[in-house]
Amino acid sequence: MIKRILVYLLVVCIAFLVVFVTHDYALNTKELYLSYSLLNVYLFNFIASVLIYIGIEIIAEKLPSQAGYGFLACVFLKIGFFVMLFQNTVFSEVRLEL
C-alpha cells in the first residue's frame, strides 16, 4: 500500500508541475489575468486528490466492498470544501475569461 501511495504521489507531483507551469505560461503569453489565484486552485486539487487516494487505499484495505462509497463521499466532501474555501471566487460577479 505504501509503495502505491508513493508512486501515486510522484505521478501527481509531476503532473501538477507540468500542467501548472504550462497553464500559467499560456495565461502569461496571452496576457490574461484571472480574478483568483491559479496556484491556490491547483494546490487545493493536488492536496485533495492525494488525501482522497490515501483514504481510498485505507478503506479498500479494511472494507474492499465499500471503497466505491468511500470515493463518492470523498468527492462530495472535496466539492464542498472547494466551494467553502473559494466561495468569493465561485459566487463573484466577475465574469471569467474563456
N, C-alpha and C. Protein backbone atom coordinates (compact mmCIF):
# COMPACT_ATOMS: atom_id res chain seq x y z
N MET A 1 0.83 -1.19 0.00
CA MET A 1 0.00 0.00 0.00
C MET A 1 0.88 1.26 0.00
N ILE A 2 1.92 1.28 0.80
CA ILE A 2 2.79 2.45 0.88
C ILE A 2 3.46 2.72 -0.46
N LYS A 3 3.88 1.65 -1.14
CA LYS A 3 4.54 1.81 -2.43
C LYS A 3 3.58 2.43 -3.45
N ARG A 4 2.32 1.97 -3.47
CA ARG A 4 1.34 2.53 -4.40
C ARG A 4 1.07 4.00 -4.10
N ILE A 5 1.03 4.36 -2.82
CA ILE A 5 0.80 5.75 -2.45
C ILE A 5 1.98 6.62 -2.89
N LEU A 6 3.20 6.13 -2.70
CA LEU A 6 4.37 6.90 -3.11
C LEU A 6 4.45 7.06 -4.63
N VAL A 7 4.11 6.00 -5.36
CA VAL A 7 4.09 6.09 -6.83
C VAL A 7 3.03 7.10 -7.25
N TYR A 8 1.85 7.03 -6.66
CA TYR A 8 0.79 7.99 -6.98
C TYR A 8 1.24 9.41 -6.67
N LEU A 9 1.87 9.61 -5.52
CA LEU A 9 2.35 10.93 -5.13
C LEU A 9 3.37 11.47 -6.14
N LEU A 10 4.27 10.61 -6.60
CA LEU A 10 5.26 11.03 -7.58
C LEU A 10 4.61 11.43 -8.90
N VAL A 11 3.68 10.61 -9.38
CA VAL A 11 2.99 10.90 -10.64
C VAL A 11 2.18 12.19 -10.55
N VAL A 12 1.48 12.38 -9.44
CA VAL A 12 0.66 13.57 -9.28
C VAL A 12 1.54 14.82 -9.14
N CYS A 13 2.68 14.70 -8.48
CA CYS A 13 3.60 15.85 -8.37
C CYS A 13 4.11 16.26 -9.75
N ILE A 14 4.50 15.30 -10.55
CA ILE A 14 4.98 15.60 -11.89
C ILE A 14 3.86 16.22 -12.73
N ALA A 15 2.67 15.64 -12.66
CA ALA A 15 1.53 16.18 -13.42
C ALA A 15 1.20 17.59 -12.95
N PHE A 16 1.22 17.82 -11.65
CA PHE A 16 0.95 19.15 -11.09
C PHE A 16 1.93 20.17 -11.65
N LEU A 17 3.20 19.85 -11.60
CA LEU A 17 4.22 20.79 -12.08
C LEU A 17 4.08 21.07 -13.57
N VAL A 18 3.94 20.03 -14.36
CA VAL A 18 3.85 20.20 -15.81
C VAL A 18 2.60 20.99 -16.20
N VAL A 19 1.47 20.62 -15.66
CA VAL A 19 0.21 21.27 -16.04
C VAL A 19 0.14 22.70 -15.51
N PHE A 20 0.56 22.91 -14.27
CA PHE A 20 0.50 24.27 -13.72
C PHE A 20 1.42 25.22 -14.48
N VAL A 21 2.65 24.79 -14.72
CA VAL A 21 3.59 25.66 -15.44
C VAL A 21 3.08 25.95 -16.85
N THR A 22 2.55 24.94 -17.53
CA THR A 22 2.01 25.14 -18.87
C THR A 22 0.82 26.10 -18.85
N HIS A 23 -0.09 25.90 -17.91
CA HIS A 23 -1.27 26.75 -17.80
C HIS A 23 -0.87 28.19 -17.49
N ASP A 24 0.04 28.37 -16.54
CA ASP A 24 0.49 29.70 -16.16
C ASP A 24 1.21 30.38 -17.33
N TYR A 25 2.03 29.63 -18.04
CA TYR A 25 2.74 30.18 -19.20
C TYR A 25 1.75 30.62 -20.29
N ALA A 26 0.75 29.80 -20.55
CA ALA A 26 -0.25 30.14 -21.57
C ALA A 26 -1.01 31.41 -21.19
N LEU A 27 -1.36 31.54 -19.92
CA LEU A 27 -2.06 32.76 -19.49
C LEU A 27 -1.16 33.99 -19.60
N ASN A 28 0.10 33.82 -19.23
CA ASN A 28 1.03 34.96 -19.29
C ASN A 28 1.32 35.39 -20.72
N THR A 29 1.45 34.43 -21.64
CA THR A 29 1.75 34.80 -23.02
C THR A 29 0.57 35.51 -23.68
N LYS A 30 -0.65 35.15 -23.28
CA LYS A 30 -1.84 35.82 -23.83
C LYS A 30 -2.23 37.04 -23.01
N GLU A 31 -1.44 37.33 -21.96
CA GLU A 31 -1.68 38.47 -21.07
C GLU A 31 -3.08 38.45 -20.48
N LEU A 32 -3.51 37.27 -20.06
CA LEU A 32 -4.79 37.11 -19.38
C LEU A 32 -4.54 37.04 -17.87
N TYR A 33 -5.33 37.76 -17.11
CA TYR A 33 -5.18 37.78 -15.66
C TYR A 33 -6.48 37.28 -15.04
N LEU A 34 -6.35 36.33 -14.15
CA LEU A 34 -7.52 35.72 -13.51
C LEU A 34 -7.86 36.46 -12.23
N SER A 35 -9.11 36.39 -11.84
CA SER A 35 -9.55 37.05 -10.61
C SER A 35 -9.28 36.19 -9.37
N TYR A 36 -8.67 35.05 -9.56
CA TYR A 36 -8.34 34.14 -8.47
C TYR A 36 -6.92 33.64 -8.64
N SER A 37 -6.40 33.06 -7.59
CA SER A 37 -5.03 32.54 -7.62
C SER A 37 -5.03 31.15 -8.25
N LEU A 38 -4.41 31.05 -9.40
CA LEU A 38 -4.32 29.76 -10.09
C LEU A 38 -3.56 28.74 -9.26
N LEU A 39 -2.51 29.20 -8.60
CA LEU A 39 -1.69 28.31 -7.77
C LEU A 39 -2.51 27.74 -6.62
N ASN A 40 -3.34 28.56 -5.98
CA ASN A 40 -4.17 28.06 -4.87
C ASN A 40 -5.15 26.99 -5.33
N VAL A 41 -5.73 27.18 -6.49
CA VAL A 41 -6.68 26.19 -7.02
C VAL A 41 -5.95 24.88 -7.32
N TYR A 42 -4.79 24.97 -7.96
CA TYR A 42 -4.03 23.77 -8.27
C TYR A 42 -3.55 23.07 -7.00
N LEU A 43 -3.09 23.84 -6.00
CA LEU A 43 -2.64 23.24 -4.75
C LEU A 43 -3.79 22.55 -4.02
N PHE A 44 -4.96 23.19 -4.01
CA PHE A 44 -6.11 22.55 -3.37
C PHE A 44 -6.42 21.21 -4.03
N ASN A 45 -6.48 21.20 -5.35
CA ASN A 45 -6.81 19.96 -6.06
C ASN A 45 -5.72 18.91 -5.89
N PHE A 46 -4.46 19.32 -5.84
CA PHE A 46 -3.36 18.40 -5.60
C PHE A 46 -3.49 17.74 -4.23
N ILE A 47 -3.64 18.56 -3.20
CA ILE A 47 -3.74 18.05 -1.83
C ILE A 47 -4.99 17.18 -1.67
N ALA A 48 -6.10 17.63 -2.22
CA ALA A 48 -7.35 16.87 -2.10
C ALA A 48 -7.23 15.52 -2.80
N SER A 49 -6.60 15.47 -3.98
CA SER A 49 -6.50 14.19 -4.68
C SER A 49 -5.60 13.22 -3.93
N VAL A 50 -4.54 13.73 -3.32
CA VAL A 50 -3.66 12.85 -2.54
C VAL A 50 -4.39 12.32 -1.32
N LEU A 51 -5.11 13.19 -0.62
CA LEU A 51 -5.87 12.74 0.56
C LEU A 51 -6.96 11.75 0.19
N ILE A 52 -7.65 11.99 -0.91
CA ILE A 52 -8.68 11.05 -1.35
C ILE A 52 -8.07 9.70 -1.69
N TYR A 53 -6.93 9.71 -2.39
CA TYR A 53 -6.29 8.44 -2.75
C TYR A 53 -5.86 7.67 -1.51
N ILE A 54 -5.27 8.36 -0.55
CA ILE A 54 -4.85 7.69 0.69
C ILE A 54 -6.07 7.14 1.42
N GLY A 55 -7.14 7.93 1.48
CA GLY A 55 -8.36 7.46 2.12
C GLY A 55 -8.95 6.23 1.45
N ILE A 56 -8.95 6.22 0.13
CA ILE A 56 -9.50 5.07 -0.59
C ILE A 56 -8.61 3.84 -0.39
N GLU A 57 -7.31 4.03 -0.35
CA GLU A 57 -6.40 2.90 -0.08
C GLU A 57 -6.68 2.30 1.29
N ILE A 58 -6.90 3.14 2.28
CA ILE A 58 -7.18 2.65 3.63
C ILE A 58 -8.52 1.94 3.67
N ILE A 59 -9.53 2.54 3.06
CA ILE A 59 -10.86 1.91 3.04
C ILE A 59 -10.82 0.59 2.29
N ALA A 60 -10.13 0.56 1.15
CA ALA A 60 -10.07 -0.67 0.35
C ALA A 60 -9.35 -1.78 1.09
N GLU A 61 -8.41 -1.42 1.94
CA GLU A 61 -7.70 -2.44 2.72
C GLU A 61 -8.59 -3.02 3.82
N LYS A 62 -9.37 -2.16 4.47
CA LYS A 62 -10.22 -2.60 5.59
C LYS A 62 -11.56 -3.17 5.10
N LEU A 63 -12.22 -2.46 4.19
CA LEU A 63 -13.54 -2.85 3.69
C LEU A 63 -13.57 -2.75 2.17
N PRO A 64 -13.05 -3.73 1.45
CA PRO A 64 -12.93 -3.62 -0.01
C PRO A 64 -14.25 -3.38 -0.73
N SER A 65 -15.33 -3.91 -0.22
CA SER A 65 -16.61 -3.74 -0.92
C SER A 65 -17.20 -2.35 -0.72
N GLN A 66 -16.64 -1.55 0.17
CA GLN A 66 -17.17 -0.21 0.45
C GLN A 66 -16.30 0.90 -0.12
N ALA A 67 -15.27 0.56 -0.88
CA ALA A 67 -14.34 1.57 -1.41
C ALA A 67 -15.04 2.55 -2.35
N GLY A 68 -15.98 2.07 -3.13
CA GLY A 68 -16.71 2.96 -4.05
C GLY A 68 -17.51 4.01 -3.30
N TYR A 69 -18.16 3.60 -2.21
CA TYR A 69 -18.91 4.56 -1.40
C TYR A 69 -17.96 5.56 -0.74
N GLY A 70 -16.80 5.10 -0.32
CA GLY A 70 -15.80 5.99 0.26
C GLY A 70 -15.34 7.03 -0.75
N PHE A 71 -15.12 6.58 -1.99
CA PHE A 71 -14.70 7.50 -3.04
C PHE A 71 -15.78 8.54 -3.30
N LEU A 72 -17.02 8.10 -3.39
CA LEU A 72 -18.14 9.01 -3.62
C LEU A 72 -18.24 10.05 -2.51
N ALA A 73 -18.12 9.61 -1.26
CA ALA A 73 -18.19 10.54 -0.14
C ALA A 73 -17.03 11.54 -0.18
N CYS A 74 -15.84 11.06 -0.50
CA CYS A 74 -14.67 11.95 -0.57
C CYS A 74 -14.82 13.00 -1.66
N VAL A 75 -15.35 12.61 -2.80
CA VAL A 75 -15.53 13.57 -3.89
C VAL A 75 -16.56 14.63 -3.51
N PHE A 76 -17.64 14.25 -2.86
CA PHE A 76 -18.61 15.24 -2.42
C PHE A 76 -18.02 16.18 -1.38
N LEU A 77 -17.21 15.63 -0.46
CA LEU A 77 -16.54 16.47 0.52
C LEU A 77 -15.56 17.43 -0.16
N LYS A 78 -14.86 16.95 -1.18
CA LYS A 78 -13.92 17.80 -1.91
C LYS A 78 -14.66 18.98 -2.56
N ILE A 79 -15.79 18.71 -3.18
CA ILE A 79 -16.58 19.77 -3.80
C ILE A 79 -17.04 20.77 -2.74
N GLY A 80 -17.51 20.26 -1.61
CA GLY A 80 -17.97 21.13 -0.53
C GLY A 80 -16.86 22.01 0.02
N PHE A 81 -15.68 21.43 0.27
CA PHE A 81 -14.55 22.21 0.77
C PHE A 81 -14.09 23.23 -0.26
N PHE A 82 -14.10 22.85 -1.55
CA PHE A 82 -13.69 23.79 -2.59
C PHE A 82 -14.60 25.01 -2.61
N VAL A 83 -15.90 24.77 -2.58
CA VAL A 83 -16.86 25.88 -2.60
C VAL A 83 -16.71 26.72 -1.34
N MET A 84 -16.47 26.08 -0.19
CA MET A 84 -16.32 26.80 1.06
C MET A 84 -15.05 27.68 1.04
N LEU A 85 -13.95 27.14 0.55
CA LEU A 85 -12.69 27.88 0.55
C LEU A 85 -12.62 28.95 -0.54
N PHE A 86 -13.24 28.67 -1.68
CA PHE A 86 -13.17 29.58 -2.81
C PHE A 86 -14.53 30.21 -3.12
N GLN A 87 -15.35 30.42 -2.09
CA GLN A 87 -16.70 30.93 -2.32
C GLN A 87 -16.69 32.33 -2.90
N ASN A 88 -15.71 33.16 -2.56
CA ASN A 88 -15.66 34.51 -3.13
C ASN A 88 -15.43 34.44 -4.64
N THR A 89 -14.66 33.47 -5.07
CA THR A 89 -14.40 33.31 -6.50
C THR A 89 -15.57 32.65 -7.21
N VAL A 90 -16.13 31.62 -6.60
CA VAL A 90 -17.21 30.86 -7.23
C VAL A 90 -18.46 31.71 -7.38
N PHE A 91 -18.77 32.50 -6.37
CA PHE A 91 -20.01 33.27 -6.38
C PHE A 91 -19.79 34.75 -6.67
N SER A 92 -18.68 35.10 -7.29
CA SER A 92 -18.39 36.51 -7.57
C SER A 92 -19.16 36.98 -8.79
N GLU A 93 -19.24 38.28 -8.92
CA GLU A 93 -19.93 38.90 -10.05
C GLU A 93 -18.98 39.09 -11.23
N VAL A 94 -17.69 38.78 -11.03
CA VAL A 94 -16.70 38.97 -12.07
C VAL A 94 -16.87 37.88 -13.13
N ARG A 95 -16.91 38.30 -14.39
CA ARG A 95 -17.06 37.34 -15.49
C ARG A 95 -15.71 36.70 -15.77
N LEU A 96 -15.65 35.39 -15.78
CA LEU A 96 -14.42 34.66 -16.04
C LEU A 96 -14.10 34.66 -17.53
N GLU A 97 -12.82 34.72 -17.85
CA GLU A 97 -12.37 34.70 -19.24
C GLU A 97 -12.53 33.31 -19.84
N LEU A 98 -12.81 33.25 -21.12
CA LEU A 98 -12.93 31.97 -21.81
C LEU A 98 -11.64 31.60 -22.48
